[in-house]
Amino acid sequence: MIKDQLVRSFTHAALSPDPDLAVAALMIARVEYPKLDATLYLDQLDGIGREAALRIAAVNRSQDVPPHVDPDRYECLMALNEYLFGELRFVGNEVHYEDPRNSFLNEVMDRRTGIPITLALLYMEVARRAGVHVEGINFPGHFLLRCPARRGLQYTQDLIIDAFHGGALLSEEACRELLRRHVGEEATLESRFLVHATKPQILARMLLNLKRLYVRMLSFPQARDVTELLLAVDPTATNELRDRGLLAFHLKDFSGALRDLQAYLQLSASSRLDEDAREDHAQIWEHVKTLRRRVASLN
């Protein structure tokens, strides 16, 4: 099981106002690599950030800029893209998308490949170190980035960035097409799909991706550890409490399973449940009755 000290440290890193996502992301990696030395990767990120700042400072300001775009922000991103994706050769892992290593920042940095959210996190952290403000967007099915235009300029648009595809800048139509691909043809692009993603939301999305992969691989100890971190980010996530209980059941930790599943039933009892949720509630109640008998027989 994951160590309590790691959970406490992760909680502090995830919920602190400090914008550094890399520290928390490297703590997530300790689920798979408990002896990971995060300092090596933070130092490497600092070095990449310093080099990126030099590339941005040396930008040739005379290059063509698309209409209605902040030229300063555009040129900064072009320099950053050329360095990260051209020179350092970071790339989206389309062939082995579901490889768990794509979800660990240390592996992404070592192998120069990842999924949208880990490449986006890397991009944000390098940009921040280079003095460029880039923020996450919790876009459905495919994490994106935004570089806001400087305020007060006429006819300037925020730049939407796809780190998985080499820092490509997406038009509104491209965002609409991406949404249809992940949600369905009937989906319409709404402002809520492009809102700023908070630090806890970014980390929770990383953890949810990882938990699904571990469950699919039947790697229940790691899935349970990831669920611990999800509850650290959001202690009110009753579904994660339920899942931690079910994972404990698979791992034959019957007392832990009973504790979590009883707490889930109690916390969700006052909620208005739809038909699927009521069915889920009934199934969990059956698990609880079985667990009570089993735990009682062990005493």
C-alpha atoms as a PDB file:
ATOM      1  CA  MET A   1       0.000   0.000   0.000  1.00  0.00           C
ATOM      2  CA  ILE A   2       1.016   3.572  -0.636  1.00  0.00           C
ATOM      3  CA  LYS A   3       2.752   5.233   2.295  1.00  0.00           C
ATOM      4  CA  ASP A   4       0.834   7.733   4.406  1.00  0.00           C
ATOM      5  CA  GLN A   5       3.710  10.216   4.138  1.00  0.00           C
ATOM      6  CA  LEU A   6       3.456  10.206   0.343  1.00  0.00           C
ATOM      7  CA  VAL A   7      -0.307  10.792   0.511  1.00  0.00           C
ATOM      8  CA  ARG A   8       0.214  13.729   2.902  1.00  0.00           C
ATOM      9  CA  SER A   9       2.975  15.223   0.757  1.00  0.00           C
ATOM     10  CA  PHE A  10       0.902  14.793  -2.386  1.00  0.00           C
ATOM     11  CA  THR A  11      -2.126  16.424  -0.744  1.00  0.00           C
ATOM     12  CA  HIS A  12      -0.013  19.435   0.213  1.00  0.00           C
ATOM     13  CA  ALA A  13       1.491  19.710  -3.284  1.00  0.00           C
ATOM     14  CA  ALA A  14      -1.831  19.221  -5.069  1.00  0.00           C
ATOM     15  CA  LEU A  15      -3.838  21.697  -3.007  1.00  0.00           C
ATOM     16  CA  SER A  16      -1.205  24.369  -2.420  1.00  0.00           C
ATOM     17  CA  PRO A  17      -1.446  27.675  -4.327  1.00  0.00           C
ATOM     18  CA  ASP A  18       2.054  27.070  -5.712  1.00  0.00           C
ATOM     19  CA  PRO A  19       1.556  26.584  -9.483  1.00  0.00           C
ATOM     20  CA  ASP A  20       4.262  23.903  -9.783  1.00  0.00           C
ATOM     21  CA  LEU A  21       2.457  20.851 -11.186  1.00  0.00           C
ATOM     22  CA  ALA A  22       5.656  18.903 -11.785  1.00  0.00           C
ATOM     23  CA  VAL A  23       6.240  18.218  -8.085  1.00  0.00           C
ATOM     24  CA  ALA A  24       2.797  16.645  -7.654  1.00  0.00           C
ATOM     25  CA  ALA A  25       3.081  14.758 -10.966  1.00  0.00           C
ATOM     26  CA  LEU A  26       6.378  13.196  -9.887  1.00  0.00           C
ATOM     27  CA  MET A  27       4.752  12.133  -6.614  1.00  0.00           C
ATOM     28  CA  ILE A  28       2.118  10.318  -8.682  1.00  0.00           C
ATOM     29  CA  ALA A  29       4.969   8.492 -10.426  1.00  0.00           C
ATOM     30  CA  ARG A  30       6.058   7.066  -7.066  1.00  0.00           C
ATOM     31  CA  VAL A  31       3.052   4.748  -7.214  1.00  0.00           C
ATOM     32  CA  GLU A  32       5.049   2.813  -9.828  1.00  0.00           C
ATOM     33  CA  TYR A  33       8.556   3.991  -8.935  1.00  0.00           C
ATOM     34  CA  PRO A  34       8.696   4.321  -5.126  1.00  0.00           C
ATOM     35  CA  LYS A  35      12.410   5.201  -5.095  1.00  0.00           C
ATOM     36  CA  LEU A  36      12.140   7.871  -7.790  1.00  0.00           C
ATOM     37  CA  ASP A  37      14.450  10.847  -7.235  1.00  0.00           C
ATOM     38  CA  ALA A  38      12.212  13.765  -8.255  1.00  0.00           C
ATOM     39  CA  THR A  39      15.078  16.264  -7.896  1.00  0.00           C
ATOM     40  CA  LEU A  40      16.765  14.934 -11.042  1.00  0.00           C
ATOM     41  CA  TYR A  41      13.664  15.617 -13.122  1.00  0.00           C
ATOM     42  CA  LEU A  42      12.924  18.993 -11.556  1.00  0.00           C
ATOM     43  CA  ASP A  43      16.501  20.053 -12.299  1.00  0.00           C
ATOM     44  CA  GLN A  44      16.099  18.817 -15.858  1.00  0.00           C
ATOM     45  CA  LEU A  45      12.864  20.803 -16.222  1.00  0.00           C
ATOM     46  CA  ASP A  46      14.619  23.914 -14.916  1.00  0.00           C
ATOM     47  CA  GLY A  47      17.331  23.427 -17.521  1.00  0.00           C
ATOM     48  CA  ILE A  48      14.816  22.986 -20.344  1.00  0.00           C
ATOM     49  CA  GLY A  49      12.963  26.074 -19.116  1.00  0.00           C
ATOM     50  CA  ARG A  50      16.126  28.176 -19.104  1.00  0.00           C
ATOM     51  CA  GLU A  51      17.008  27.068 -22.628  1.00  0.00           C
ATOM     52  CA  ALA A  52      13.442  27.750 -23.785  1.00  0.00           C
ATOM     53  CA  ALA A  53      13.687  31.279 -22.361  1.00  0.00           C
ATOM     54  CA  LEU A  54      16.834  31.877 -24.424  1.00  0.00           C
ATOM     55  CA  ARG A  55      15.105  30.621 -27.582  1.00  0.00           C
ATOM     56  CA  ILE A  56      12.127  32.902 -26.940  1.00  0.00           C
ATOM     57  CA  ALA A  57      14.369  35.902 -26.307  1.00  0.00           C
ATOM     58  CA  ALA A  58      16.124  35.291 -29.627  1.00  0.00           C
ATOM     59  CA  VAL A  59      12.900  35.132 -31.669  1.00  0.00           C
ATOM     60  CA  ASN A  60      12.903  36.976 -34.992  1.00  0.00           C
ATOM     61  CA  ARG A  61       9.929  39.305 -34.595  1.00  0.00           C
ATOM     62  CA  SER A  62       9.528  39.786 -38.343  1.00  0.00           C
ATOM     63  CA  GLN A  63       7.964  36.404 -39.109  1.00  0.00           C
ATOM     64  CA  ASP A  64       4.428  36.248 -40.488  1.00  0.00           C
ATOM     65  CA  VAL A  65       1.701  36.107 -37.873  1.00  0.00           C
ATOM     66  CA  PRO A  66      -1.860  34.900 -38.573  1.00  0.00           C
ATOM     67  CA  PRO A  67      -4.563  37.590 -38.448  1.00  0.00           C
ATOM     68  CA  HIS A  68      -6.330  38.393 -35.174  1.00  0.00           C
ATOM     69  CA  VAL A  69      -3.568  36.771 -33.122  1.00  0.00           C
ATOM     70  CA  ASP A  70      -1.355  38.390 -30.478  1.00  0.00           C
ATOM     71  CA  PRO A  71       2.001  38.497 -32.328  1.00  0.00           C
ATOM     72  CA  ASP A  72       4.097  38.386 -29.151  1.00  0.00           C
ATOM     73  CA  ARG A  73       2.336  35.305 -27.793  1.00  0.00           C
ATOM     74  CA  TYR A  74       2.327  33.609 -31.200  1.00  0.00           C
ATOM     75  CA  GLU A  75       6.062  34.060 -31.702  1.00  0.00           C
ATOM     76  CA  CYS A  76       6.818  32.849 -28.171  1.00  0.00           C
ATOM     77  CA  LEU A  77       4.816  29.674 -28.787  1.00  0.00           C
ATOM     78  CA  MET A  78       6.460  29.048 -32.157  1.00  0.00           C
ATOM     79  CA  ALA A  79       9.891  29.237 -30.500  1.00  0.00           C
ATOM     80  CA  LEU A  80       8.740  26.967 -27.668  1.00  0.00           C
ATOM     81  CA  ASN A  81       7.225  24.461 -30.124  1.00  0.00           C
ATOM     82  CA  GLU A  82      10.361  24.356 -32.231  1.00  0.00           C
ATOM     83  CA  TYR A  83      12.491  23.673 -29.150  1.00  0.00           C
ATOM     84  CA  LEU A  84      10.255  21.067 -27.452  1.00  0.00           C
ATOM     85  CA  PHE A  85       8.902  19.212 -30.470  1.00  0.00           C
ATOM     86  CA  GLY A  86      11.468  20.003 -33.157  1.00  0.00           C
ATOM     87  CA  GLU A  87      14.768  19.904 -31.298  1.00  0.00           C
ATOM     88  CA  LEU A  88      14.004  17.813 -28.198  1.00  0.00           C
ATOM     89  CA  ARG A  89      11.587  15.632 -30.204  1.00  0.00           C
ATOM     90  CA  PHE A  90       8.790  15.243 -27.685  1.00  0.00           C
ATOM     91  CA  VAL A  91       5.892  13.527 -29.445  1.00  0.00           C
ATOM     92  CA  GLY A  92       2.448  12.099 -28.733  1.00  0.00           C
ATOM     93  CA  ASN A  93       2.479   8.325 -28.285  1.00  0.00           C
ATOM     94  CA  GLU A  94      -0.204   7.346 -30.799  1.00  0.00           C
ATOM     95  CA  VAL A  95       1.019   3.758 -31.274  1.00  0.00           C
ATOM     96  CA  HIS A  96       1.033   2.744 -27.588  1.00  0.00           C
ATOM     97  CA  TYR A  97      -1.435   5.288 -26.228  1.00  0.00           C
ATOM     98  CA  GLU A  98      -2.516   3.118 -23.280  1.00  0.00           C
ATOM     99  CA  ASP A  99       0.982   2.294 -22.046  1.00  0.00           C
ATOM    100  CA  PRO A 100       0.922   3.370 -18.347  1.00  0.00           C
ATOM    101  CA  ARG A 101       4.352   4.946 -18.761  1.00  0.00           C
ATOM    102  CA  ASN A 102       2.668   7.715 -20.759  1.00  0.00           C
ATOM    103  CA  SER A 103       1.033   8.865 -17.515  1.00  0.00           C
ATOM    104  CA  PHE A 104       4.258   9.302 -15.523  1.00  0.00           C
ATOM    105  CA  LEU A 105       6.152  12.565 -15.943  1.00  0.00           C
ATOM    106  CA  ASN A 106       9.555  10.923 -15.380  1.00  0.00           C
ATOM    107  CA  GLU A 107       8.885   8.411 -18.165  1.00  0.00           C
ATOM    108  CA  VAL A 108       7.561  11.126 -20.472  1.00  0.00           C
ATOM    109  CA  MET A 109      10.785  13.074 -19.957  1.00  0.00           C
ATOM    110  CA  ASP A 110      13.001   9.998 -20.370  1.00  0.00           C
ATOM    111  CA  ARG A 111      11.222   8.591 -23.417  1.00  0.00           C
ATOM    112  CA  ARG A 112      10.133  11.940 -24.939  1.00  0.00           C
ATOM    113  CA  THR A 113       6.585  10.668 -25.490  1.00  0.00           C
ATOM    114  CA  GLY A 114       3.268  10.757 -23.667  1.00  0.00           C
ATOM    115  CA  ILE A 115      -0.473  11.366 -23.836  1.00  0.00           C
ATOM    116  CA  PRO A 116      -2.212  14.754 -24.161  1.00  0.00           C
ATOM    117  CA  ILE A 117      -2.349  15.574 -20.467  1.00  0.00           C
ATOM    118  CA  THR A 118       1.235  14.648 -19.564  1.00  0.00           C
ATOM    119  CA  LEU A 119       2.659  16.434 -22.605  1.00  0.00           C
ATOM    120  CA  ALA A 120       0.452  19.417 -21.739  1.00  0.00           C
ATOM    121  CA  LEU A 121       1.741  19.406 -18.157  1.00  0.00           C
ATOM    122  CA  LEU A 122       5.317  19.322 -19.443  1.00  0.00           C
ATOM    123  CA  TYR A 123       4.505  22.184 -21.819  1.00  0.00           C
ATOM    124  CA  MET A 124       2.968  24.285 -19.032  1.00  0.00           C
ATOM    125  CA  GLU A 125       5.915  23.724 -16.725  1.00  0.00           C
ATOM    126  CA  VAL A 126       8.510  24.577 -19.370  1.00  0.00           C
ATOM    127  CA  ALA A 127       6.524  27.635 -20.496  1.00  0.00           C
ATOM    128  CA  ARG A 128       6.201  28.851 -16.903  1.00  0.00           C
ATOM    129  CA  ARG A 129       9.928  28.539 -16.363  1.00  0.00           C
ATOM    130  CA  ALA A 130      10.484  30.452 -19.623  1.00  0.00           C
ATOM    131  CA  GLY A 131       8.188  33.277 -18.543  1.00  0.00           C
ATOM    132  CA  VAL A 132       5.209  32.425 -20.793  1.00  0.00           C
ATOM    133  CA  HIS A 133       1.752  31.969 -19.259  1.00  0.00           C
ATOM    134  CA  VAL A 134       0.042  28.813 -20.550  1.00  0.00           C
ATOM    135  CA  GLU A 135      -2.935  27.203 -18.792  1.00  0.00           C
ATOM    136  CA  GLY A 136      -4.712  23.865 -19.055  1.00  0.00           C
ATOM    137  CA  ILE A 137      -8.140  23.249 -20.586  1.00  0.00           C
ATOM    138  CA  ASN A 138     -10.115  20.217 -19.387  1.00  0.00           C
ATOM    139  CA  PHE A 139     -11.415  19.525 -22.893  1.00  0.00           C
ATOM    140  CA  PRO A 140     -13.504  16.330 -23.224  1.00  0.00           C
ATOM    141  CA  GLY A 141     -11.428  13.369 -24.341  1.00  0.00           C
ATOM    142  CA  HIS A 142      -8.289  15.338 -25.196  1.00  0.00           C
ATOM    143  CA  PHE A 143      -6.547  17.728 -22.808  1.00  0.00           C
ATOM    144  CA  LEU A 144      -5.652  21.091 -24.391  1.00  0.00           C
ATOM    145  CA  LEU A 145      -3.821  24.299 -23.477  1.00  0.00           C
ATOM    146  CA  ARG A 146      -4.479  28.008 -23.796  1.00  0.00           C
ATOM    147  CA  CYS A 147      -2.068  30.898 -24.101  1.00  0.00           C
ATOM    148  CA  PRO A 148      -4.167  34.013 -23.361  1.00  0.00           C
ATOM    149  CA  ALA A 149      -3.658  37.057 -25.548  1.00  0.00           C
ATOM    150  CA  ARG A 150      -2.442  40.215 -23.847  1.00  0.00           C
ATOM    151  CA  ARG A 151      -5.422  42.247 -22.734  1.00  0.00           C
ATOM    152  CA  GLY A 152      -6.093  45.621 -24.289  1.00  0.00           C
ATOM    153  CA  LEU A 153      -5.078  44.607 -27.798  1.00  0.00           C
ATOM    154  CA  GLN A 154      -7.591  44.946 -30.619  1.00  0.00           C
ATOM    155  CA  TYR A 155      -8.775  41.854 -32.512  1.00  0.00           C
ATOM    156  CA  THR A 156      -6.625  39.331 -30.657  1.00  0.00           C
ATOM    157  CA  GLN A 157      -7.650  35.795 -29.832  1.00  0.00           C
ATOM    158  CA  ASP A 158      -6.393  33.372 -27.212  1.00  0.00           C
ATOM    159  CA  LEU A 159      -4.274  30.607 -28.703  1.00  0.00           C
ATOM    160  CA  ILE A 160      -5.493  27.024 -28.166  1.00  0.00           C
ATOM    161  CA  ILE A 161      -2.633  24.503 -28.181  1.00  0.00           C
ATOM    162  CA  ASP A 162      -2.583  20.738 -28.703  1.00  0.00           C
ATOM    163  CA  ALA A 163       0.625  19.471 -27.057  1.00  0.00           C
ATOM    164  CA  PHE A 164      -0.067  15.908 -28.235  1.00  0.00           C
ATOM    165  CA  HIS A 165       0.259  17.025 -31.842  1.00  0.00           C
ATOM    166  CA  GLY A 166       3.453  19.035 -31.667  1.00  0.00           C
ATOM    167  CA  GLY A 167       1.962  22.177 -30.157  1.00  0.00           C
ATOM    168  CA  ALA A 168      -0.495  22.636 -33.046  1.00  0.00           C
ATOM    169  CA  LEU A 169      -2.641  25.783 -32.733  1.00  0.00           C
ATOM    170  CA  LEU A 170      -6.320  24.906 -33.035  1.00  0.00           C
ATOM    171  CA  SER A 171      -8.966  27.063 -34.649  1.00  0.00           C
ATOM    172  CA  GLU A 172     -12.512  27.140 -33.340  1.00  0.00           C
ATOM    173  CA  GLU A 173     -13.519  24.745 -36.107  1.00  0.00           C
ATOM    174  CA  ALA A 174     -10.689  22.370 -35.190  1.00  0.00           C
ATOM    175  CA  CYS A 175     -11.878  22.383 -31.556  1.00  0.00           C
ATOM    176  CA  ARG A 176     -15.393  21.671 -32.754  1.00  0.00           C
ATOM    177  CA  GLU A 177     -14.191  18.722 -34.837  1.00  0.00           C
ATOM    178  CA  LEU A 178     -12.119  17.380 -31.921  1.00  0.00           C
ATOM    179  CA  LEU A 179     -15.189  17.569 -29.677  1.00  0.00           C
ATOM    180  CA  ARG A 180     -17.309  15.658 -32.200  1.00  0.00           C
ATOM    181  CA  ARG A 181     -14.632  12.978 -32.431  1.00  0.00           C
ATOM    182  CA  HIS A 182     -14.627  12.386 -28.670  1.00  0.00           C
ATOM    183  CA  VAL A 183     -18.220  13.147 -27.685  1.00  0.00           C
ATOM    184  CA  GLY A 184     -20.294  12.504 -30.816  1.00  0.00           C
ATOM    185  CA  GLU A 185     -21.526  14.218 -33.968  1.00  0.00           C
ATOM    186  CA  GLU A 186     -24.334  15.969 -32.103  1.00  0.00           C
ATOM    187  CA  ALA A 187     -21.945  17.761 -29.730  1.00  0.00           C
ATOM    188  CA  THR A 188     -21.741  21.553 -29.918  1.00  0.00           C
ATOM    189  CA  LEU A 189     -18.772  23.592 -28.783  1.00  0.00           C
ATOM    190  CA  GLU A 190     -19.696  25.463 -25.596  1.00  0.00           C
ATOM    191  CA  SER A 191     -17.661  27.897 -23.517  1.00  0.00           C
ATOM    192  CA  ARG A 192     -17.647  25.432 -20.578  1.00  0.00           C
ATOM    193  CA  PHE A 193     -15.488  23.072 -22.630  1.00  0.00           C
ATOM    194  CA  LEU A 194     -12.744  25.711 -22.851  1.00  0.00           C
ATOM    195  CA  VAL A 195     -12.600  26.946 -19.267  1.00  0.00           C
ATOM    196  CA  HIS A 196      -9.344  27.069 -17.323  1.00  0.00           C
ATOM    197  CA  ALA A 197      -8.485  23.772 -15.598  1.00  0.00           C
ATOM    198  CA  THR A 198      -7.398  24.154 -11.984  1.00  0.00           C
ATOM    199  CA  LYS A 199      -4.369  22.410 -10.557  1.00  0.00           C
ATOM    200  CA  PRO A 200      -6.473  19.793  -8.652  1.00  0.00           C
ATOM    201  CA  GLN A 201      -8.562  19.151 -11.790  1.00  0.00           C
ATOM    202  CA  ILE A 202      -5.452  18.501 -13.880  1.00  0.00           C
ATOM    203  CA  LEU A 203      -4.017  16.100 -11.309  1.00  0.00           C
ATOM    204  CA  ALA A 204      -7.369  14.349 -10.863  1.00  0.00           C
ATOM    205  CA  ARG A 205      -7.616  13.810 -14.622  1.00  0.00           C
ATOM    206  CA  MET A 206      -4.121  12.324 -14.697  1.00  0.00           C
ATOM    207  CA  LEU A 207      -5.019  10.002 -11.839  1.00  0.00           C
ATOM    208  CA  LEU A 208      -8.338   8.925 -13.378  1.00  0.00           C
ATOM    209  CA  ASN A 209      -6.559   7.989 -16.613  1.00  0.00           C
ATOM    210  CA  LEU A 210      -4.034   5.977 -14.635  1.00  0.00           C
ATOM    211  CA  LYS A 211      -6.641   4.258 -12.461  1.00  0.00           C
ATOM    212  CA  ARG A 212      -8.587   3.080 -15.523  1.00  0.00           C
ATOM    213  CA  LEU A 213      -5.418   1.648 -17.043  1.00  0.00           C
ATOM    214  CA  TYR A 214      -4.478  -0.219 -13.874  1.00  0.00           C
ATOM    215  CA  VAL A 215      -7.986  -1.661 -13.467  1.00  0.00           C
ATOM    216  CA  ARG A 216      -7.950  -2.787 -17.103  1.00  0.00           C
ATOM    217  CA  MET A 217      -4.595  -4.493 -16.447  1.00  0.00           C
ATOM    218  CA  LEU A 218      -5.963  -6.054 -13.228  1.00  0.00           C
ATOM    219  CA  SER A 219      -3.192  -4.242 -11.335  1.00  0.00           C
ATOM    220  CA  PHE A 220      -5.387  -3.712  -8.289  1.00  0.00           C
ATOM    221  CA  PRO A 221      -2.714  -2.690  -5.742  1.00  0.00           C
ATOM    222  CA  GLN A 222      -1.598   0.212  -7.970  1.00  0.00           C
ATOM    223  CA  ALA A 223      -5.211   1.108  -8.787  1.00  0.00           C
ATOM    224  CA  ARG A 224      -5.950   1.322  -5.075  1.00  0.00           C
ATOM    225  CA  ASP A 225      -2.921   3.550  -4.494  1.00  0.00           C
ATOM    226  CA  VAL A 226      -4.041   5.872  -7.279  1.00  0.00           C
ATOM    227  CA  THR A 227      -7.517   6.006  -5.738  1.00  0.00           C
ATOM    228  CA  GLU A 228      -5.920   7.090  -2.450  1.00  0.00           C
ATOM    229  CA  LEU A 229      -4.375  10.038  -4.288  1.00  0.00           C
ATOM    230  CA  LEU A 230      -7.678  10.853  -5.998  1.00  0.00           C
ATOM    231  CA  LEU A 231      -9.349  11.074  -2.599  1.00  0.00           C
ATOM    232  CA  ALA A 232      -6.492  13.277  -1.403  1.00  0.00           C
ATOM    233  CA  VAL A 233      -7.269  15.721  -4.240  1.00  0.00           C
ATOM    234  CA  ASP A 234     -11.037  15.542  -3.596  1.00  0.00           C
ATOM    235  CA  PRO A 235     -12.131  13.951  -0.292  1.00  0.00           C
ATOM    236  CA  THR A 236     -15.800  14.471  -1.303  1.00  0.00           C
ATOM    237  CA  ALA A 237     -15.500  12.124  -4.316  1.00  0.00           C
ATOM    238  CA  THR A 238     -17.850   9.405  -3.047  1.00  0.00           C
ATOM    239  CA  ASN A 239     -17.427   7.298  -6.188  1.00  0.00           C
ATOM    240  CA  GLU A 240     -13.698   7.079  -5.459  1.00  0.00           C
ATOM    241  CA  LEU A 241     -14.502   5.976  -1.908  1.00  0.00           C
ATOM    242  CA  ARG A 242     -16.691   3.239  -3.407  1.00  0.00           C
ATOM    243  CA  ASP A 243     -13.955   2.216  -5.846  1.00  0.00           C
ATOM    244  CA  ARG A 244     -11.338   2.099  -3.105  1.00  0.00           C
ATOM    245  CA  GLY A 245     -13.636  -0.252  -1.190  1.00  0.00           C
ATOM    246  CA  LEU A 246     -14.158  -2.496  -4.220  1.00  0.00           C
ATOM    247  CA  LEU A 247     -10.422  -2.603  -4.875  1.00  0.00           C
ATOM    248  CA  ALA A 248      -9.816  -3.501  -1.224  1.00  0.00           C
ATOM    249  CA  PHE A 249     -12.320  -6.340  -1.670  1.00  0.00           C
ATOM    250  CA  HIS A 250     -10.366  -7.662  -4.694  1.00  0.00           C
ATOM    251  CA  LEU A 251      -7.209  -7.497  -2.576  1.00  0.00           C
ATOM    252  CA  LYS A 252      -8.929  -9.437   0.248  1.00  0.00           C
ATOM    253  CA  ASP A 253      -8.666  -6.503   2.650  1.00  0.00           C
ATOM    254  CA  PHE A 254     -12.176  -7.185   3.873  1.00  0.00           C
ATOM    255  CA  SER A 255     -12.180  -4.817   6.848  1.00  0.00           C
ATOM    256  CA  GLY A 256     -10.912  -1.955   4.642  1.00  0.00           C
ATOM    257  CA  ALA A 257     -13.506  -2.795   1.992  1.00  0.00           C
ATOM    258  CA  LEU A 258     -16.307  -2.857   4.574  1.00  0.00           C
ATOM    259  CA  ARG A 259     -15.233   0.484   6.039  1.00  0.00           C
ATOM    260  CA  ASP A 260     -15.163   2.236   2.664  1.00  0.00           C
ATOM    261  CA  LEU A 261     -18.331   0.716   1.247  1.00  0.00           C
ATOM    262  CA  GLN A 262     -20.343   1.456   4.405  1.00  0.00           C
ATOM    263  CA  ALA A 263     -19.080   5.043   4.304  1.00  0.00           C
ATOM    264  CA  TYR A 264     -20.048   5.277   0.621  1.00  0.00           C
ATOM    265  CA  LEU A 265     -23.589   4.067   1.328  1.00  0.00           C
ATOM    266  CA  GLN A 266     -23.954   6.501   4.209  1.00  0.00           C
ATOM    267  CA  LEU A 267     -22.643   9.505   2.263  1.00  0.00           C
ATOM    268  CA  SER A 268     -24.697   8.793  -0.861  1.00  0.00           C
ATOM    269  CA  ALA A 269     -27.915   7.885   0.960  1.00  0.00           C
ATOM    270  CA  SER A 270     -29.090  11.498   1.056  1.00  0.00           C
ATOM    271  CA  SER A 271     -28.375  12.087  -2.643  1.00  0.00           C
ATOM    272  CA  ARG A 272     -31.044  11.977  -5.306  1.00  0.00           C
ATOM    273  CA  LEU A 273     -30.145   8.853  -7.262  1.00  0.00           C
ATOM    274  CA  ASP A 274     -31.088   8.018 -10.825  1.00  0.00           C
ATOM    275  CA  GLU A 275     -31.978   4.464 -11.838  1.00  0.00           C
ATOM    276  CA  ASP A 276     -28.371   3.431 -12.558  1.00  0.00           C
ATOM    277  CA  ALA A 277     -27.179   4.881  -9.248  1.00  0.00           C
ATOM    278  CA  ARG A 278     -29.937   3.091  -7.340  1.00  0.00           C
ATOM    279  CA  GLU A 279     -28.905  -0.191  -8.950  1.00  0.00           C
ATOM    280  CA  ASP A 280     -25.282   0.489  -8.041  1.00  0.00           C
ATOM    281  CA  HIS A 281     -26.361   1.317  -4.473  1.00  0.00           C
ATOM    282  CA  ALA A 282     -28.209  -2.002  -4.223  1.00  0.00           C
ATOM    283  CA  GLN A 283     -25.192  -3.948  -5.463  1.00  0.00           C
ATOM    284  CA  ILE A 284     -22.905  -2.237  -2.957  1.00  0.00           C
ATOM    285  CA  TRP A 285     -25.367  -3.030  -0.179  1.00  0.00           C
ATOM    286  CA  GLU A 286     -25.141  -6.724  -1.128  1.00  0.00           C
ATOM    287  CA  HIS A 287     -21.338  -6.476  -0.966  1.00  0.00           C
ATOM    288  CA  VAL A 288     -21.603  -4.890   2.482  1.00  0.00           C
ATOM    289  CA  LYS A 289     -23.839  -7.672   3.810  1.00  0.00           C
ATOM    290  CA  THR A 290     -21.397 -10.303   2.523  1.00  0.00           C
ATOM    291  CA  LEU A 291     -18.445  -8.424   4.010  1.00  0.00           C
ATOM    292  CA  ARG A 292     -20.127  -8.089   7.409  1.00  0.00           C
ATOM    293  CA  ARG A 293     -20.558 -11.853   7.583  1.00  0.00           C
ATOM    294  CA  ARG A 294     -16.988 -12.467   6.437  1.00  0.00           C
ATOM    295  CA  VAL A 295     -15.416  -9.961   8.845  1.00  0.00           C
ATOM    296  CA  ALA A 296     -17.517 -11.302  11.708  1.00  0.00           C
ATOM    297  CA  SER A 297     -16.287 -14.844  11.003  1.00  0.00           C
ATOM    298  CA  LEU A 298     -12.691 -13.634  11.277  1.00  0.00           C
ATOM    299  CA  ASN A 299     -13.152 -12.139  14.757  1.00  0.00           C
END
